[in-house]
Amino acid sequence: MSSPKNKNHYSSARDLATIALNLIKNKVIVKYSSLKYEYIHNKKKWQKRIVNTNPLLGVIPQVDGLKTGVTNTALYCIAVTASEENKRLLLILIGEPNRSERNEDVRELPEYGFNLE
């Protein structure tokens, strides 16, 4: 990747899944991506609230991360991780026309994934 603005740079859902699978091996990443919000501080008592934009956190109990995004080409995207008993799901959704449709479409996927035999 030379630049995110490079018109010859593409990522597929599979590429994002490969990255996400490697990220969730790190328990610190899972810990912080599962937080709805967090405050960061510096030594001068400065404080900033950072809000997680994952619409499923706190709505679907099994969801524990990972990342939302939007670009002009890929449109609205999300990588969601969820765990239940001995199962871990990784859900990748790309190309949604807006945040609302992305959020609506992804809400059904964890239940569907956990019920697969």
N, C-alpha and C. Protein backbone atom coordinates (compact mmCIF):
# COMPACT_ATOMS: atom_id res chain seq x y z
N MET A 1 0.86 -1.18 0.00
CA MET A 1 0.00 0.00 0.00
C MET A 1 0.89 1.23 0.00
N SER A 2 0.77 2.04 -1.01
CA SER A 2 1.58 3.26 -1.08
C SER A 2 0.89 4.42 -0.40
N SER A 3 -0.43 4.46 -0.48
CA SER A 3 -1.19 5.56 0.11
C SER A 3 -2.66 5.18 0.10
N PRO A 4 -3.41 5.59 1.14
CA PRO A 4 -4.85 5.29 1.11
C PRO A 4 -5.57 6.00 -0.03
N LYS A 5 -4.97 7.02 -0.60
CA LYS A 5 -5.59 7.74 -1.71
C LYS A 5 -5.21 7.16 -3.07
N ASN A 6 -4.35 6.16 -3.09
CA ASN A 6 -3.92 5.51 -4.32
C ASN A 6 -5.10 4.77 -4.94
N LYS A 7 -5.50 5.15 -6.14
CA LYS A 7 -6.66 4.55 -6.80
C LYS A 7 -6.43 3.09 -7.18
N ASN A 8 -5.19 2.63 -7.17
CA ASN A 8 -4.88 1.24 -7.49
C ASN A 8 -4.80 0.36 -6.25
N HIS A 9 -5.12 0.90 -5.10
CA HIS A 9 -5.08 0.14 -3.86
C HIS A 9 -6.49 -0.36 -3.54
N TYR A 10 -6.60 -1.68 -3.36
CA TYR A 10 -7.89 -2.29 -3.05
C TYR A 10 -7.72 -3.26 -1.90
N SER A 11 -8.75 -3.40 -1.11
CA SER A 11 -8.80 -4.43 -0.08
C SER A 11 -10.14 -5.14 -0.21
N SER A 12 -10.10 -6.43 -0.08
CA SER A 12 -11.33 -7.23 -0.15
C SER A 12 -11.80 -7.55 1.27
N ALA A 13 -12.98 -8.12 1.38
CA ALA A 13 -13.47 -8.58 2.67
C ALA A 13 -12.52 -9.64 3.22
N ARG A 14 -11.97 -10.45 2.35
CA ARG A 14 -11.00 -11.47 2.78
C ARG A 14 -9.74 -10.82 3.35
N ASP A 15 -9.26 -9.77 2.71
CA ASP A 15 -8.09 -9.05 3.22
C ASP A 15 -8.37 -8.51 4.62
N LEU A 16 -9.54 -7.90 4.79
CA LEU A 16 -9.91 -7.35 6.10
C LEU A 16 -10.05 -8.46 7.14
N ALA A 17 -10.57 -9.60 6.74
CA ALA A 17 -10.70 -10.73 7.66
C ALA A 17 -9.32 -11.23 8.09
N THR A 18 -8.38 -11.29 7.16
CA THR A 18 -7.02 -11.73 7.49
C THR A 18 -6.38 -10.79 8.51
N ILE A 19 -6.55 -9.49 8.29
CA ILE A 19 -6.01 -8.50 9.23
C ILE A 19 -6.69 -8.66 10.59
N ALA A 20 -8.02 -8.75 10.59
CA ALA A 20 -8.78 -8.86 11.84
C ALA A 20 -8.42 -10.13 12.60
N LEU A 21 -8.26 -11.24 11.91
CA LEU A 21 -7.90 -12.49 12.59
C LEU A 21 -6.56 -12.37 13.31
N ASN A 22 -5.64 -11.64 12.71
CA ASN A 22 -4.36 -11.42 13.37
C ASN A 22 -4.50 -10.43 14.53
N LEU A 23 -5.33 -9.42 14.37
CA LEU A 23 -5.53 -8.46 15.45
C LEU A 23 -6.13 -9.09 16.69
N ILE A 24 -7.12 -9.96 16.52
CA ILE A 24 -7.80 -10.51 17.69
C ILE A 24 -6.95 -11.55 18.44
N LYS A 25 -5.81 -11.89 17.91
CA LYS A 25 -4.87 -12.71 18.67
C LYS A 25 -4.27 -11.92 19.83
N ASN A 26 -4.33 -10.61 19.73
CA ASN A 26 -3.79 -9.73 20.76
C ASN A 26 -4.92 -9.36 21.72
N LYS A 27 -4.84 -9.84 22.95
CA LYS A 27 -5.91 -9.61 23.93
C LYS A 27 -6.09 -8.13 24.27
N VAL A 28 -5.05 -7.35 24.14
CA VAL A 28 -5.15 -5.91 24.41
C VAL A 28 -6.03 -5.23 23.36
N ILE A 29 -5.90 -5.64 22.12
CA ILE A 29 -6.73 -5.07 21.06
C ILE A 29 -8.19 -5.44 21.29
N VAL A 30 -8.45 -6.69 21.64
CA VAL A 30 -9.83 -7.10 21.92
C VAL A 30 -10.37 -6.32 23.12
N LYS A 31 -9.55 -6.16 24.14
CA LYS A 31 -9.98 -5.42 25.34
C LYS A 31 -10.41 -4.00 24.98
N TYR A 32 -9.57 -3.28 24.25
CA TYR A 32 -9.87 -1.88 23.97
C TYR A 32 -10.93 -1.72 22.88
N SER A 33 -11.00 -2.63 21.93
CA SER A 33 -12.04 -2.50 20.91
C SER A 33 -13.41 -2.90 21.44
N SER A 34 -13.45 -3.51 22.62
CA SER A 34 -14.74 -3.87 23.21
C SER A 34 -15.31 -2.79 24.12
N LEU A 35 -14.54 -1.74 24.36
CA LEU A 35 -15.02 -0.64 25.20
C LEU A 35 -15.93 0.28 24.42
N LYS A 36 -17.04 0.66 25.00
CA LYS A 36 -17.95 1.60 24.35
C LYS A 36 -17.31 2.99 24.26
N TYR A 37 -16.57 3.36 25.30
CA TYR A 37 -15.81 4.61 25.28
C TYR A 37 -14.67 4.50 26.28
N GLU A 38 -13.71 5.39 26.16
CA GLU A 38 -12.57 5.42 27.07
C GLU A 38 -12.07 6.85 27.15
N TYR A 39 -11.47 7.18 28.27
CA TYR A 39 -10.84 8.49 28.44
C TYR A 39 -9.34 8.32 28.35
N ILE A 40 -8.70 9.21 27.61
CA ILE A 40 -7.25 9.23 27.59
C ILE A 40 -6.79 10.49 28.29
N HIS A 41 -5.65 10.41 28.94
CA HIS A 41 -5.13 11.51 29.75
C HIS A 41 -3.67 11.76 29.40
N ASN A 42 -3.20 12.93 29.74
CA ASN A 42 -1.77 13.17 29.70
C ASN A 42 -1.33 13.68 31.05
N LYS A 43 -0.06 13.95 31.21
CA LYS A 43 0.48 14.35 32.51
C LYS A 43 -0.02 15.71 32.98
N LYS A 44 -0.54 16.52 32.10
CA LYS A 44 -1.03 17.85 32.46
C LYS A 44 -2.53 17.85 32.78
N LYS A 45 -3.06 16.68 33.08
CA LYS A 45 -4.48 16.52 33.44
C LYS A 45 -5.43 16.73 32.26
N TRP A 46 -4.89 16.81 31.06
CA TRP A 46 -5.73 16.90 29.88
C TRP A 46 -6.47 15.58 29.71
N GLN A 47 -7.71 15.65 29.26
CA GLN A 47 -8.53 14.45 29.13
C GLN A 47 -9.34 14.52 27.85
N LYS A 48 -9.47 13.40 27.18
CA LYS A 48 -10.26 13.33 25.95
C LYS A 48 -11.06 12.03 25.98
N ARG A 49 -12.33 12.13 25.67
CA ARG A 49 -13.19 10.95 25.60
C ARG A 49 -13.18 10.44 24.16
N ILE A 50 -12.90 9.16 24.02
CA ILE A 50 -12.90 8.50 22.71
C ILE A 50 -14.07 7.54 22.70
N VAL A 51 -14.92 7.62 21.68
CA VAL A 51 -16.13 6.81 21.60
C VAL A 51 -15.98 5.76 20.50
N ASN A 52 -16.32 4.54 20.81
CA ASN A 52 -16.31 3.44 19.85
C ASN A 52 -17.57 3.55 18.98
N THR A 53 -17.41 3.47 17.67
CA THR A 53 -18.54 3.62 16.75
C THR A 53 -19.18 2.29 16.35
N ASN A 54 -18.76 1.20 17.00
CA ASN A 54 -19.35 -0.11 16.70
C ASN A 54 -20.77 -0.13 17.26
N PRO A 55 -21.80 -0.21 16.39
CA PRO A 55 -23.19 -0.11 16.84
C PRO A 55 -23.69 -1.32 17.61
N LEU A 56 -22.94 -2.42 17.62
CA LEU A 56 -23.40 -3.63 18.28
C LEU A 56 -22.90 -3.76 19.72
N LEU A 57 -21.89 -2.97 20.09
CA LEU A 57 -21.39 -3.03 21.46
C LEU A 57 -22.48 -2.59 22.42
N GLY A 58 -22.73 -3.41 23.41
CA GLY A 58 -23.76 -3.09 24.39
C GLY A 58 -25.17 -3.43 23.94
N VAL A 59 -25.33 -3.80 22.67
CA VAL A 59 -26.64 -4.17 22.13
C VAL A 59 -26.75 -5.68 22.01
N ILE A 60 -25.71 -6.30 21.49
CA ILE A 60 -25.65 -7.76 21.38
C ILE A 60 -24.54 -8.22 22.32
N PRO A 61 -24.89 -8.95 23.38
CA PRO A 61 -23.92 -9.27 24.43
C PRO A 61 -22.65 -9.98 23.96
N GLN A 62 -22.74 -10.79 22.92
CA GLN A 62 -21.58 -11.56 22.46
C GLN A 62 -20.55 -10.70 21.73
N VAL A 63 -20.94 -9.53 21.25
CA VAL A 63 -20.04 -8.69 20.44
C VAL A 63 -18.98 -8.07 21.34
N ASP A 64 -17.71 -8.23 20.91
CA ASP A 64 -16.60 -7.68 21.69
C ASP A 64 -15.60 -6.87 20.86
N GLY A 65 -15.98 -6.40 19.70
CA GLY A 65 -15.08 -5.53 18.93
C GLY A 65 -15.50 -5.50 17.47
N LEU A 66 -14.94 -4.81 16.60
CA LEU A 66 -13.55 -4.54 16.36
C LEU A 66 -13.37 -3.17 15.70
N LYS A 67 -13.94 -2.92 14.49
CA LYS A 67 -13.59 -1.70 13.78
C LYS A 67 -14.67 -1.32 12.78
N THR A 68 -14.99 -0.03 12.73
CA THR A 68 -15.85 0.50 11.68
C THR A 68 -15.00 1.37 10.76
N GLY A 69 -15.50 1.65 9.58
CA GLY A 69 -14.76 2.51 8.67
C GLY A 69 -15.63 2.96 7.51
N VAL A 70 -15.13 3.99 6.82
CA VAL A 70 -15.81 4.50 5.64
C VAL A 70 -14.78 5.14 4.72
N THR A 71 -14.89 4.85 3.43
CA THR A 71 -14.11 5.53 2.40
C THR A 71 -15.03 5.79 1.22
N ASN A 72 -14.61 6.65 0.33
CA ASN A 72 -15.42 6.95 -0.84
C ASN A 72 -15.63 5.73 -1.73
N THR A 73 -14.65 4.86 -1.80
CA THR A 73 -14.75 3.70 -2.67
C THR A 73 -15.39 2.50 -1.98
N ALA A 74 -14.96 2.19 -0.77
CA ALA A 74 -15.47 1.02 -0.05
C ALA A 74 -16.81 1.29 0.62
N LEU A 75 -17.16 2.56 0.73
CA LEU A 75 -18.38 2.99 1.41
C LEU A 75 -18.31 2.61 2.89
N TYR A 76 -19.43 2.30 3.52
CA TYR A 76 -19.46 2.02 4.96
C TYR A 76 -19.15 0.56 5.21
N CYS A 77 -18.20 0.31 6.11
CA CYS A 77 -17.71 -1.04 6.38
C CYS A 77 -17.66 -1.29 7.88
N ILE A 78 -17.60 -2.57 8.24
CA ILE A 78 -17.44 -2.93 9.64
C ILE A 78 -16.83 -4.32 9.75
N ALA A 79 -15.95 -4.48 10.73
CA ALA A 79 -15.42 -5.78 11.12
C ALA A 79 -15.87 -5.99 12.56
N VAL A 80 -16.64 -7.03 12.79
CA VAL A 80 -17.22 -7.30 14.11
C VAL A 80 -16.68 -8.64 14.61
N THR A 81 -16.28 -8.66 15.88
CA THR A 81 -15.92 -9.92 16.51
C THR A 81 -16.94 -10.20 17.61
N ALA A 82 -17.22 -11.48 17.79
CA ALA A 82 -18.18 -11.88 18.81
C ALA A 82 -17.78 -13.27 19.31
N SER A 83 -18.06 -13.51 20.58
CA SER A 83 -17.76 -14.84 21.12
C SER A 83 -18.92 -15.32 21.99
N GLU A 84 -19.11 -16.64 21.92
CA GLU A 84 -20.16 -17.29 22.71
C GLU A 84 -19.71 -18.71 22.97
N GLU A 85 -19.61 -19.07 24.25
CA GLU A 85 -19.11 -20.38 24.65
C GLU A 85 -17.77 -20.64 23.98
N ASN A 86 -17.67 -21.66 23.15
CA ASN A 86 -16.39 -21.98 22.50
C ASN A 86 -16.34 -21.51 21.05
N LYS A 87 -17.22 -20.61 20.67
CA LYS A 87 -17.25 -20.12 19.29
C LYS A 87 -16.81 -18.67 19.24
N ARG A 88 -16.06 -18.33 18.19
CA ARG A 88 -15.70 -16.94 17.92
C ARG A 88 -16.09 -16.65 16.49
N LEU A 89 -16.81 -15.55 16.29
CA LEU A 89 -17.21 -15.12 14.96
C LEU A 89 -16.41 -13.90 14.55
N LEU A 90 -16.14 -13.82 13.27
CA LEU A 90 -15.59 -12.62 12.67
C LEU A 90 -16.52 -12.28 11.51
N LEU A 91 -17.12 -11.12 11.57
CA LEU A 91 -18.07 -10.68 10.54
C LEU A 91 -17.48 -9.47 9.82
N ILE A 92 -17.43 -9.54 8.51
CA ILE A 92 -16.94 -8.43 7.70
C ILE A 92 -18.05 -8.01 6.76
N LEU A 93 -18.38 -6.74 6.79
CA LEU A 93 -19.41 -6.19 5.92
C LEU A 93 -18.82 -4.96 5.24
N ILE A 94 -18.83 -4.94 3.91
CA ILE A 94 -18.28 -3.80 3.17
C ILE A 94 -19.29 -3.34 2.13
N GLY A 95 -19.14 -2.10 1.71
CA GLY A 95 -19.93 -1.58 0.60
C GLY A 95 -21.33 -1.14 0.93
N GLU A 96 -21.61 -0.86 2.18
CA GLU A 96 -22.95 -0.38 2.54
C GLU A 96 -23.08 1.10 2.19
N PRO A 97 -24.22 1.53 1.65
CA PRO A 97 -24.35 2.91 1.17
C PRO A 97 -24.35 3.98 2.27
N ASN A 98 -24.72 3.59 3.50
CA ASN A 98 -24.72 4.57 4.59
C ASN A 98 -24.60 3.83 5.92
N ARG A 99 -24.35 4.59 6.97
CA ARG A 99 -24.15 4.03 8.31
C ARG A 99 -25.39 3.28 8.79
N SER A 100 -26.56 3.85 8.54
CA SER A 100 -27.81 3.22 9.02
C SER A 100 -28.02 1.84 8.41
N GLU A 101 -27.83 1.73 7.10
CA GLU A 101 -28.01 0.42 6.46
C GLU A 101 -26.96 -0.57 6.90
N ARG A 102 -25.71 -0.10 7.07
CA ARG A 102 -24.65 -0.98 7.56
C ARG A 102 -25.03 -1.52 8.94
N ASN A 103 -25.46 -0.63 9.81
CA ASN A 103 -25.80 -1.03 11.18
C ASN A 103 -26.99 -1.98 11.21
N GLU A 104 -27.98 -1.72 10.38
CA GLU A 104 -29.16 -2.59 10.33
C GLU A 104 -28.79 -3.98 9.79
N ASP A 105 -28.00 -4.01 8.72
CA ASP A 105 -27.64 -5.29 8.11
C ASP A 105 -26.76 -6.14 9.02
N VAL A 106 -25.85 -5.52 9.75
CA VAL A 106 -24.92 -6.29 10.57
C VAL A 106 -25.55 -6.81 11.85
N ARG A 107 -26.64 -6.23 12.30
CA ARG A 107 -27.28 -6.66 13.56
C ARG A 107 -27.75 -8.11 13.54
N GLU A 108 -28.14 -8.62 12.39
CA GLU A 108 -28.66 -9.99 12.30
C GLU A 108 -27.56 -11.04 12.20
N LEU A 109 -26.36 -10.64 11.85
CA LEU A 109 -25.31 -11.62 11.55
C LEU A 109 -24.81 -12.42 12.75
N PRO A 110 -24.60 -11.83 13.94
CA PRO A 110 -24.11 -12.67 15.04
C PRO A 110 -25.04 -13.83 15.38
N GLU A 111 -26.33 -13.56 15.49
CA GLU A 111 -27.27 -14.65 15.81
C GLU A 111 -27.25 -15.72 14.74
N TYR A 112 -27.22 -15.31 13.46
CA TYR A 112 -27.16 -16.26 12.36
C TYR A 112 -25.87 -17.11 12.47
N GLY A 113 -24.75 -16.46 12.70
CA GLY A 113 -23.47 -17.17 12.79
C GLY A 113 -23.41 -18.15 13.94
N PHE A 114 -23.91 -17.77 15.09
CA PHE A 114 -23.87 -18.65 16.24
C PHE A 114 -24.81 -19.84 16.10
N ASN A 115 -25.82 -19.72 15.27
CA ASN A 115 -26.78 -20.82 15.09
C ASN A 115 -26.41 -21.77 13.96
N LEU A 116 -25.31 -21.51 13.27
CA LEU A 116 -24.87 -22.44 12.22
C LEU A 116 -24.33 -23.72 12.86
N GLU A 117 -24.62 -24.83 12.27
CA GLU A 117 -24.13 -26.12 12.80
C GLU A 117 -22.94 -26.59 12.04
